[in-house]
Amino acid sequence: MTSFKVDDVTKIAKDALYVGVGLGVIGFQKIQVQRNELQKQLKGQVGGAREQVGSLSKAIDDRVKLVEERLQGVEGRVRSMVNGAS
């Protein structure tokens, strides 16, 4: 049967504690790296969404201007027809 000295047990306990702390630190660092990568991905997606919203907004503004111009043309024709009929 193997007998352990108190110093051996203390050394084994310290080593186990150091290994546990080291694994905890490595795990924490991995989580931070993943969090940073996720933030970068989300920023890229949000930036892309902002660009899409901006281009959509411009397209809508262009269409509204076109409709306004056409309505002004129709209004002008209707006025000329009404003025010509009276």
PDB file of N, CA and C in Angstrom:
ATOM      1  N   MET A   1       0.831  -1.171   0.000  1.00  0.00           N
ATOM      2  CA  MET A   1       0.000   0.000   0.000  1.00  0.00           C
ATOM      3  C   MET A   1       0.883   1.244   0.000  1.00  0.00           C
ATOM      4  N   THR A   2       0.451   2.238  -0.806  1.00  0.00           N
ATOM      5  CA  THR A   2       1.235   3.461  -0.915  1.00  0.00           C
ATOM      6  C   THR A   2       0.805   4.444   0.160  1.00  0.00           C
ATOM      7  N   SER A   3       1.777   5.043   0.805  1.00  0.00           N
ATOM      8  CA  SER A   3       1.451   6.050   1.818  1.00  0.00           C
ATOM      9  C   SER A   3       1.873   7.412   1.285  1.00  0.00           C
ATOM     10  N   PHE A   4       1.052   8.405   1.537  1.00  0.00           N
ATOM     11  CA  PHE A   4       1.341   9.767   1.094  1.00  0.00           C
ATOM     12  C   PHE A   4       1.793  10.587   2.295  1.00  0.00           C
ATOM     13  N   LYS A   5       2.743  11.422   2.049  1.00  0.00           N
ATOM     14  CA  LYS A   5       3.169  12.367   3.071  1.00  0.00           C
ATOM     15  C   LYS A   5       2.281  13.604   2.962  1.00  0.00           C
ATOM     16  N   VAL A   6       2.207  14.345   4.019  1.00  0.00           N
ATOM     17  CA  VAL A   6       1.385  15.564   4.034  1.00  0.00           C
ATOM     18  C   VAL A   6       1.886  16.545   2.981  1.00  0.00           C
ATOM     19  N   ASP A   7       3.186  16.625   2.801  1.00  0.00           N
ATOM     20  CA  ASP A   7       3.744  17.532   1.797  1.00  0.00           C
ATOM     21  C   ASP A   7       3.328  17.101   0.389  1.00  0.00           C
ATOM     22  N   ASP A   8       3.287  15.814   0.139  1.00  0.00           N
ATOM     23  CA  ASP A   8       2.863  15.312  -1.172  1.00  0.00           C
ATOM     24  C   ASP A   8       1.403  15.661  -1.445  1.00  0.00           C
ATOM     25  N   VAL A   9       0.576  15.479  -0.445  1.00  0.00           N
ATOM     26  CA  VAL A   9      -0.848  15.777  -0.596  1.00  0.00           C
ATOM     27  C   VAL A   9      -1.036  17.270  -0.846  1.00  0.00           C
ATOM     28  N   THR A  10      -0.295  18.094  -0.099  1.00  0.00           N
ATOM     29  CA  THR A  10      -0.375  19.544  -0.283  1.00  0.00           C
ATOM     30  C   THR A  10       0.063  19.929  -1.688  1.00  0.00           C
ATOM     31  N   LYS A  11       1.154  19.332  -2.172  1.00  0.00           N
ATOM     32  CA  LYS A  11       1.653  19.630  -3.522  1.00  0.00           C
ATOM     33  C   LYS A  11       0.627  19.212  -4.575  1.00  0.00           C
ATOM     34  N   ILE A  12       0.031  18.064  -4.424  1.00  0.00           N
ATOM     35  CA  ILE A  12      -0.977  17.580  -5.375  1.00  0.00           C
ATOM     36  C   ILE A  12      -2.196  18.505  -5.364  1.00  0.00           C
ATOM     37  N   ALA A  13      -2.605  18.939  -4.193  1.00  0.00           N
ATOM     38  CA  ALA A  13      -3.763  19.837  -4.087  1.00  0.00           C
ATOM     39  C   ALA A  13      -3.460  21.177  -4.754  1.00  0.00           C
ATOM     40  N   LYS A  14      -2.245  21.723  -4.530  1.00  0.00           N
ATOM     41  CA  LYS A  14      -1.851  22.991  -5.163  1.00  0.00           C
ATOM     42  C   LYS A  14      -1.823  22.832  -6.678  1.00  0.00           C
ATOM     43  N   ASP A  15      -1.219  21.745  -7.146  1.00  0.00           N
ATOM     44  CA  ASP A  15      -1.158  21.504  -8.586  1.00  0.00           C
ATOM     45  C   ASP A  15      -2.556  21.416  -9.189  1.00  0.00           C
ATOM     46  N   ALA A  16      -3.442  20.732  -8.516  1.00  0.00           N
ATOM     47  CA  ALA A  16      -4.819  20.602  -9.003  1.00  0.00           C
ATOM     48  C   ALA A  16      -5.498  21.963  -9.033  1.00  0.00           C
ATOM     49  N   LEU A  17      -5.252  22.767  -8.007  1.00  0.00           N
ATOM     50  CA  LEU A  17      -5.834  24.108  -7.965  1.00  0.00           C
ATOM     51  C   LEU A  17      -5.304  24.952  -9.110  1.00  0.00           C
ATOM     52  N   TYR A  18      -3.986  24.920  -9.344  1.00  0.00           N
ATOM     53  CA  TYR A  18      -3.386  25.693 -10.427  1.00  0.00           C
ATOM     54  C   TYR A  18      -3.921  25.251 -11.791  1.00  0.00           C
ATOM     55  N   VAL A  19      -4.060  23.952 -11.978  1.00  0.00           N
ATOM     56  CA  VAL A  19      -4.603  23.440 -13.235  1.00  0.00           C
ATOM     57  C   VAL A  19      -6.045  23.919 -13.411  1.00  0.00           C
ATOM     58  N   GLY A  20      -6.827  23.870 -12.339  1.00  0.00           N
ATOM     59  CA  GLY A  20      -8.218  24.325 -12.410  1.00  0.00           C
ATOM     60  C   GLY A  20      -8.322  25.800 -12.744  1.00  0.00           C
ATOM     61  N   VAL A  21      -7.478  26.618 -12.090  1.00  0.00           N
ATOM     62  CA  VAL A  21      -7.477  28.058 -12.370  1.00  0.00           C
ATOM     63  C   VAL A  21      -7.026  28.308 -13.810  1.00  0.00           C
ATOM     64  N   GLY A  22      -5.987  27.601 -14.237  1.00  0.00           N
ATOM     65  CA  GLY A  22      -5.498  27.765 -15.614  1.00  0.00           C
ATOM     66  C   GLY A  22      -6.565  27.417 -16.637  1.00  0.00           C
ATOM     67  N   LEU A  23      -7.278  26.316 -16.415  1.00  0.00           N
ATOM     68  CA  LEU A  23      -8.351  25.942 -17.337  1.00  0.00           C
ATOM     69  C   LEU A  23      -9.472  26.971 -17.327  1.00  0.00           C
ATOM     70  N   GLY A  24      -9.753  27.521 -16.154  1.00  0.00           N
ATOM     71  CA  GLY A  24     -10.768  28.568 -16.057  1.00  0.00           C
ATOM     72  C   GLY A  24     -10.377  29.807 -16.840  1.00  0.00           C
ATOM     73  N   VAL A  25      -9.113  30.212 -16.739  1.00  0.00           N
ATOM     74  CA  VAL A  25      -8.620  31.391 -17.466  1.00  0.00           C
ATOM     75  C   VAL A  25      -8.688  31.144 -18.968  1.00  0.00           C
ATOM     76  N   ILE A  26      -8.248  29.979 -19.407  1.00  0.00           N
ATOM     77  CA  ILE A  26      -8.292  29.650 -20.837  1.00  0.00           C
ATOM     78  C   ILE A  26      -9.734  29.641 -21.333  1.00  0.00           C
ATOM     79  N   GLY A  27     -10.633  29.063 -20.564  1.00  0.00           N
ATOM     80  CA  GLY A  27     -12.047  29.052 -20.951  1.00  0.00           C
ATOM     81  C   GLY A  27     -12.612  30.454 -21.046  1.00  0.00           C
ATOM     82  N   PHE A  28     -12.270  31.305 -20.088  1.00  0.00           N
ATOM     83  CA  PHE A  28     -12.740  32.690 -20.091  1.00  0.00           C
ATOM     84  C   PHE A  28     -12.220  33.430 -21.317  1.00  0.00           C
ATOM     85  N   GLN A  29     -10.949  33.228 -21.660  1.00  0.00           N
ATOM     86  CA  GLN A  29     -10.370  33.876 -22.827  1.00  0.00           C
ATOM     87  C   GLN A  29     -11.062  33.420 -24.105  1.00  0.00           C
ATOM     88  N   LYS A  30     -11.376  32.141 -24.205  1.00  0.00           N
ATOM     89  CA  LYS A  30     -12.084  31.636 -25.390  1.00  0.00           C
ATOM     90  C   LYS A  30     -13.459  32.284 -25.512  1.00  0.00           C
ATOM     91  N   ILE A  31     -14.133  32.433 -24.386  1.00  0.00           N
ATOM     92  CA  ILE A  31     -15.448  33.069 -24.404  1.00  0.00           C
ATOM     93  C   ILE A  31     -15.326  34.519 -24.858  1.00  0.00           C
ATOM     94  N   GLN A  32     -14.291  35.220 -24.402  1.00  0.00           N
ATOM     95  CA  GLN A  32     -14.093  36.602 -24.825  1.00  0.00           C
ATOM     96  C   GLN A  32     -13.841  36.689 -26.326  1.00  0.00           C
ATOM     97  N   VAL A  33     -13.042  35.789 -26.859  1.00  0.00           N
ATOM     98  CA  VAL A  33     -12.763  35.784 -28.297  1.00  0.00           C
ATOM     99  C   VAL A  33     -14.050  35.553 -29.080  1.00  0.00           C
ATOM    100  N   GLN A  34     -14.861  34.601 -28.637  1.00  0.00           N
ATOM    101  CA  GLN A  34     -16.130  34.328 -29.317  1.00  0.00           C
ATOM    102  C   GLN A  34     -17.065  35.523 -29.233  1.00  0.00           C
ATOM    103  N   ARG A  35     -17.080  36.195 -28.079  1.00  0.00           N
ATOM    104  CA  ARG A  35     -17.933  37.377 -27.917  1.00  0.00           C
ATOM    105  C   ARG A  35     -17.492  38.481 -28.874  1.00  0.00           C
ATOM    106  N   ASN A  36     -16.171  38.696 -28.982  1.00  0.00           N
ATOM    107  CA  ASN A  36     -15.657  39.724 -29.893  1.00  0.00           C
ATOM    108  C   ASN A  36     -15.991  39.395 -31.345  1.00  0.00           C
ATOM    109  N   GLU A  37     -15.861  38.129 -31.722  1.00  0.00           N
ATOM    110  CA  GLU A  37     -16.192  37.726 -33.094  1.00  0.00           C
ATOM    111  C   GLU A  37     -17.679  37.931 -33.372  1.00  0.00           C
ATOM    112  N   LEU A  38     -18.512  37.604 -32.410  1.00  0.00           N
ATOM    113  CA  LEU A  38     -19.951  37.794 -32.568  1.00  0.00           C
ATOM    114  C   LEU A  38     -20.290  39.275 -32.702  1.00  0.00           C
ATOM    115  N   GLN A  39     -19.629  40.121 -31.914  1.00  0.00           N
ATOM    116  CA  GLN A  39     -19.861  41.558 -32.021  1.00  0.00           C
ATOM    117  C   GLN A  39     -19.475  42.066 -33.405  1.00  0.00           C
ATOM    118  N   LYS A  40     -18.363  41.600 -33.940  1.00  0.00           N
ATOM    119  CA  LYS A  40     -17.933  42.015 -35.273  1.00  0.00           C
ATOM    120  C   LYS A  40     -18.960  41.588 -36.325  1.00  0.00           C
ATOM    121  N   GLN A  41     -19.456  40.356 -36.205  1.00  0.00           N
ATOM    122  CA  GLN A  41     -20.459  39.872 -37.154  1.00  0.00           C
ATOM    123  C   GLN A  41     -21.725  40.709 -37.074  1.00  0.00           C
ATOM    124  N   LEU A  42     -22.158  41.001 -35.867  1.00  0.00           N
ATOM    125  CA  LEU A  42     -23.377  41.781 -35.696  1.00  0.00           C
ATOM    126  C   LEU A  42     -23.207  43.195 -36.222  1.00  0.00           C
ATOM    127  N   LYS A  43     -22.029  43.796 -35.997  1.00  0.00           N
ATOM    128  CA  LYS A  43     -21.780  45.135 -36.522  1.00  0.00           C
ATOM    129  C   LYS A  43     -21.836  45.115 -38.044  1.00  0.00           C
ATOM    130  N   GLY A  44     -21.259  44.073 -38.640  1.00  0.00           N
ATOM    131  CA  GLY A  44     -21.304  43.955 -40.101  1.00  0.00           C
ATOM    132  C   GLY A  44     -22.727  43.818 -40.607  1.00  0.00           C
ATOM    133  N   GLN A  45     -23.531  43.031 -39.916  1.00  0.00           N
ATOM    134  CA  GLN A  45     -24.914  42.846 -40.335  1.00  0.00           C
ATOM    135  C   GLN A  45     -25.719  44.120 -40.137  1.00  0.00           C
ATOM    136  N   VAL A  46     -25.495  44.809 -39.026  1.00  0.00           N
ATOM    137  CA  VAL A  46     -26.222  46.055 -38.771  1.00  0.00           C
ATOM    138  C   VAL A  46     -25.820  47.099 -39.797  1.00  0.00           C
ATOM    139  N   GLY A  47     -24.522  47.156 -40.108  1.00  0.00           N
ATOM    140  CA  GLY A  47     -24.063  48.099 -41.126  1.00  0.00           C
ATOM    141  C   GLY A  47     -24.688  47.791 -42.473  1.00  0.00           C
ATOM    142  N   GLY A  48     -24.761  46.525 -42.819  1.00  0.00           N
ATOM    143  CA  GLY A  48     -25.395  46.129 -44.077  1.00  0.00           C
ATOM    144  C   GLY A  48     -26.870  46.470 -44.088  1.00  0.00           C
ATOM    145  N   ALA A  49     -27.533  46.269 -42.959  1.00  0.00           N
ATOM    146  CA  ALA A  49     -28.952  46.598 -42.864  1.00  0.00           C
ATOM    147  C   ALA A  49     -29.156  48.105 -42.991  1.00  0.00           C
ATOM    148  N   ARG A  50     -28.282  48.878 -42.398  1.00  0.00           N
ATOM    149  CA  ARG A  50     -28.391  50.340 -42.507  1.00  0.00           C
ATOM    150  C   ARG A  50     -28.232  50.774 -43.956  1.00  0.00           C
ATOM    151  N   GLU A  51     -27.290  50.175 -44.649  1.00  0.00           N
ATOM    152  CA  GLU A  51     -27.100  50.515 -46.062  1.00  0.00           C
ATOM    153  C   GLU A  51     -28.344  50.159 -46.866  1.00  0.00           C
ATOM    154  N   GLN A  52     -28.928  49.000 -46.585  1.00  0.00           N
ATOM    155  CA  GLN A  52     -30.139  48.586 -47.302  1.00  0.00           C
ATOM    156  C   GLN A  52     -31.292  49.531 -47.015  1.00  0.00           C
ATOM    157  N   VAL A  53     -31.440  49.928 -45.747  1.00  0.00           N
ATOM    158  CA  VAL A  53     -32.509  50.861 -45.395  1.00  0.00           C
ATOM    159  C   VAL A  53     -32.275  52.199 -46.084  1.00  0.00           C
ATOM    160  N   GLY A  54     -31.022  52.635 -46.118  1.00  0.00           N
ATOM    161  CA  GLY A  54     -30.700  53.892 -46.790  1.00  0.00           C
ATOM    162  C   GLY A  54     -31.023  53.846 -48.267  1.00  0.00           C
ATOM    163  N   SER A  55     -30.658  52.771 -48.928  1.00  0.00           N
ATOM    164  CA  SER A  55     -30.939  52.663 -50.359  1.00  0.00           C
ATOM    165  C   SER A  55     -32.435  52.512 -50.606  1.00  0.00           C
ATOM    166  N   LEU A  56     -33.132  51.805 -49.722  1.00  0.00           N
ATOM    167  CA  LEU A  56     -34.578  51.672 -49.842  1.00  0.00           C
ATOM    168  C   LEU A  56     -35.249  53.020 -49.647  1.00  0.00           C
ATOM    169  N   SER A  57     -34.784  53.780 -48.686  1.00  0.00           N
ATOM    170  CA  SER A  57     -35.332  55.118 -48.431  1.00  0.00           C
ATOM    171  C   SER A  57     -35.133  56.013 -49.647  1.00  0.00           C
ATOM    172  N   LYS A  58     -33.955  55.951 -50.258  1.00  0.00           N
ATOM    173  CA  LYS A  58     -33.688  56.760 -51.454  1.00  0.00           C
ATOM    174  C   LYS A  58     -34.598  56.334 -52.600  1.00  0.00           C
ATOM    175  N   ALA A  59     -34.778  55.032 -52.764  1.00  0.00           N
ATOM    176  CA  ALA A  59     -35.652  54.537 -53.829  1.00  0.00           C
ATOM    177  C   ALA A  59     -37.087  55.012 -53.610  1.00  0.00           C
ATOM    178  N   ILE A  60     -37.542  54.985 -52.360  1.00  0.00           N
ATOM    179  CA  ILE A  60     -38.901  55.451 -52.063  1.00  0.00           C
ATOM    180  C   ILE A  60     -39.012  56.940 -52.336  1.00  0.00           C
ATOM    181  N   ASP A  61     -38.021  57.719 -51.925  1.00  0.00           N
ATOM    182  CA  ASP A  61     -38.033  59.160 -52.200  1.00  0.00           C
ATOM    183  C   ASP A  61     -38.085  59.434 -53.690  1.00  0.00           C
ATOM    184  N   ASP A  62     -37.299  58.680 -54.461  1.00  0.00           N
ATOM    185  CA  ASP A  62     -37.306  58.858 -55.914  1.00  0.00           C
ATOM    186  C   ASP A  62     -38.685  58.549 -56.503  1.00  0.00           C
ATOM    187  N   ARG A  63     -39.306  57.481 -56.018  1.00  0.00           N
ATOM    188  CA  ARG A  63     -40.639  57.116 -56.517  1.00  0.00           C
ATOM    189  C   ARG A  63     -41.679  58.169 -56.141  1.00  0.00           C
ATOM    190  N   VAL A  64     -41.594  58.683 -54.929  1.00  0.00           N
ATOM    191  CA  VAL A  64     -42.544  59.720 -54.500  1.00  0.00           C
ATOM    192  C   VAL A  64     -42.380  60.964 -55.370  1.00  0.00           C
ATOM    193  N   LYS A  65     -41.159  61.351 -55.659  1.00  0.00           N
ATOM    194  CA  LYS A  65     -40.917  62.513 -56.522  1.00  0.00           C
ATOM    195  C   LYS A  65     -41.502  62.271 -57.908  1.00  0.00           C
ATOM    196  N   LEU A  66     -41.320  61.074 -58.430  1.00  0.00           N
ATOM    197  CA  LEU A  66     -41.859  60.741 -59.747  1.00  0.00           C
ATOM    198  C   LEU A  66     -43.384  60.834 -59.747  1.00  0.00           C
ATOM    199  N   VAL A  67     -44.018  60.306 -58.714  1.00  0.00           N
ATOM    200  CA  VAL A  67     -45.485  60.371 -58.614  1.00  0.00           C
ATOM    201  C   VAL A  67     -45.935  61.824 -58.521  1.00  0.00           C
ATOM    202  N   GLU A  68     -45.226  62.640 -57.733  1.00  0.00           N
ATOM    203  CA  GLU A  68     -45.572  64.055 -57.605  1.00  0.00           C
ATOM    204  C   GLU A  68     -45.483  64.758 -58.957  1.00  0.00           C
ATOM    205  N   GLU A  69     -44.405  64.480 -59.699  1.00  0.00           N
ATOM    206  CA  GLU A  69     -44.234  65.103 -61.020  1.00  0.00           C
ATOM    207  C   GLU A  69     -45.370  64.704 -61.960  1.00  0.00           C
ATOM    208  N   ARG A  70     -45.725  63.432 -61.944  1.00  0.00           N
ATOM    209  CA  ARG A  70     -46.810  62.965 -62.811  1.00  0.00           C
ATOM    210  C   ARG A  70     -48.142  63.569 -62.401  1.00  0.00           C
ATOM    211  N   LEU A  71     -48.373  63.674 -61.101  1.00  0.00           N
ATOM    212  CA  LEU A  71     -49.620  64.279 -60.630  1.00  0.00           C
ATOM    213  C   LEU A  71     -49.687  65.759 -61.009  1.00  0.00           C
ATOM    214  N   GLN A  72     -48.556  66.450 -60.960  1.00  0.00           N
ATOM    215  CA  GLN A  72     -48.535  67.843 -61.392  1.00  0.00           C
ATOM    216  C   GLN A  72     -48.884  67.960 -62.873  1.00  0.00           C
ATOM    217  N   GLY A  73     -48.356  67.023 -63.666  1.00  0.00           N
ATOM    218  CA  GLY A  73     -48.685  67.011 -65.097  1.00  0.00           C
ATOM    219  C   GLY A  73     -50.162  66.764 -65.317  1.00  0.00           C
ATOM    220  N   VAL A  74     -50.744  65.824 -64.592  1.00  0.00           N
ATOM    221  CA  VAL A  74     -52.172  65.528 -64.705  1.00  0.00           C
ATOM    222  C   VAL A  74     -52.976  66.734 -64.251  1.00  0.00           C
ATOM    223  N   GLU A  75     -52.545  67.367 -63.168  1.00  0.00           N
ATOM    224  CA  GLU A  75     -53.248  68.547 -62.668  1.00  0.00           C
ATOM    225  C   GLU A  75     -53.238  69.658 -63.710  1.00  0.00           C
ATOM    226  N   GLY A  76     -52.106  69.841 -64.353  1.00  0.00           N
ATOM    227  CA  GLY A  76     -52.002  70.864 -65.396  1.00  0.00           C
ATOM    228  C   GLY A  76     -52.944  70.563 -66.559  1.00  0.00           C
ATOM    229  N   ARG A  77     -53.032  69.330 -66.963  1.00  0.00           N
ATOM    230  CA  ARG A  77     -53.925  68.952 -68.053  1.00  0.00           C
ATOM    231  C   ARG A  77     -55.389  69.170 -67.675  1.00  0.00           C
ATOM    232  N   VAL A  78     -55.736  68.766 -66.442  1.00  0.00           N
ATOM    233  CA  VAL A  78     -57.106  68.937 -66.000  1.00  0.00           C
ATOM    234  C   VAL A  78     -57.460  70.412 -65.939  1.00  0.00           C
ATOM    235  N   ARG A  79     -56.573  71.236 -65.472  1.00  0.00           N
ATOM    236  CA  ARG A  79     -56.845  72.675 -65.406  1.00  0.00           C
ATOM    237  C   ARG A  79     -57.020  73.257 -66.808  1.00  0.00           C
ATOM    238  N   SER A  80     -56.164  72.832 -67.715  1.00  0.00           N
ATOM    239  CA  SER A  80     -56.289  73.358 -69.091  1.00  0.00           C
ATOM    240  C   SER A  80     -57.592  72.888 -69.713  1.00  0.00           C
ATOM    241  N   MET A  81     -58.017  71.690 -69.419  1.00  0.00           N
ATOM    242  CA  MET A  81     -59.293  71.201 -69.953  1.00  0.00           C
ATOM    243  C   MET A  81     -60.467  71.957 -69.331  1.00  0.00           C
ATOM    244  N   VAL A  82     -60.384  72.208 -68.018  1.00  0.00           N
ATOM    245  CA  VAL A  82     -61.463  72.942 -67.336  1.00  0.00           C
ATOM    246  C   VAL A  82     -61.499  74.379 -67.822  1.00  0.00           C
ATOM    247  N   ASN A  83     -60.357  75.007 -67.968  1.00  0.00           N
ATOM    248  CA  ASN A  83     -60.294  76.394 -68.433  1.00  0.00           C
ATOM    249  C   ASN A  83     -60.724  76.490 -69.891  1.00  0.00           C
ATOM    250  N   GLY A  84     -60.415  75.493 -70.677  1.00  0.00           N
ATOM    251  CA  GLY A  84     -60.803  75.483 -72.088  1.00  0.00           C
ATOM    252  C   GLY A  84     -62.288  75.256 -72.275  1.00  0.00           C
ATOM    253  N   ALA A  85     -62.899  74.535 -71.348  1.00  0.00           N
ATOM    254  CA  ALA A  85     -64.326  74.225 -71.451  1.00  0.00           C
ATOM    255  C   ALA A  85     -65.168  75.389 -70.965  1.00  0.00           C
ATOM    256  N   SER A  86     -64.625  76.296 -70.176  1.00  0.00           N
ATOM    257  CA  SER A  86     -65.467  77.372 -69.653  1.00  0.00           C
ATOM    258  C   SER A  86     -65.447  78.603 -70.460  1.00  0.00           C
TER     259      SER A  86
END
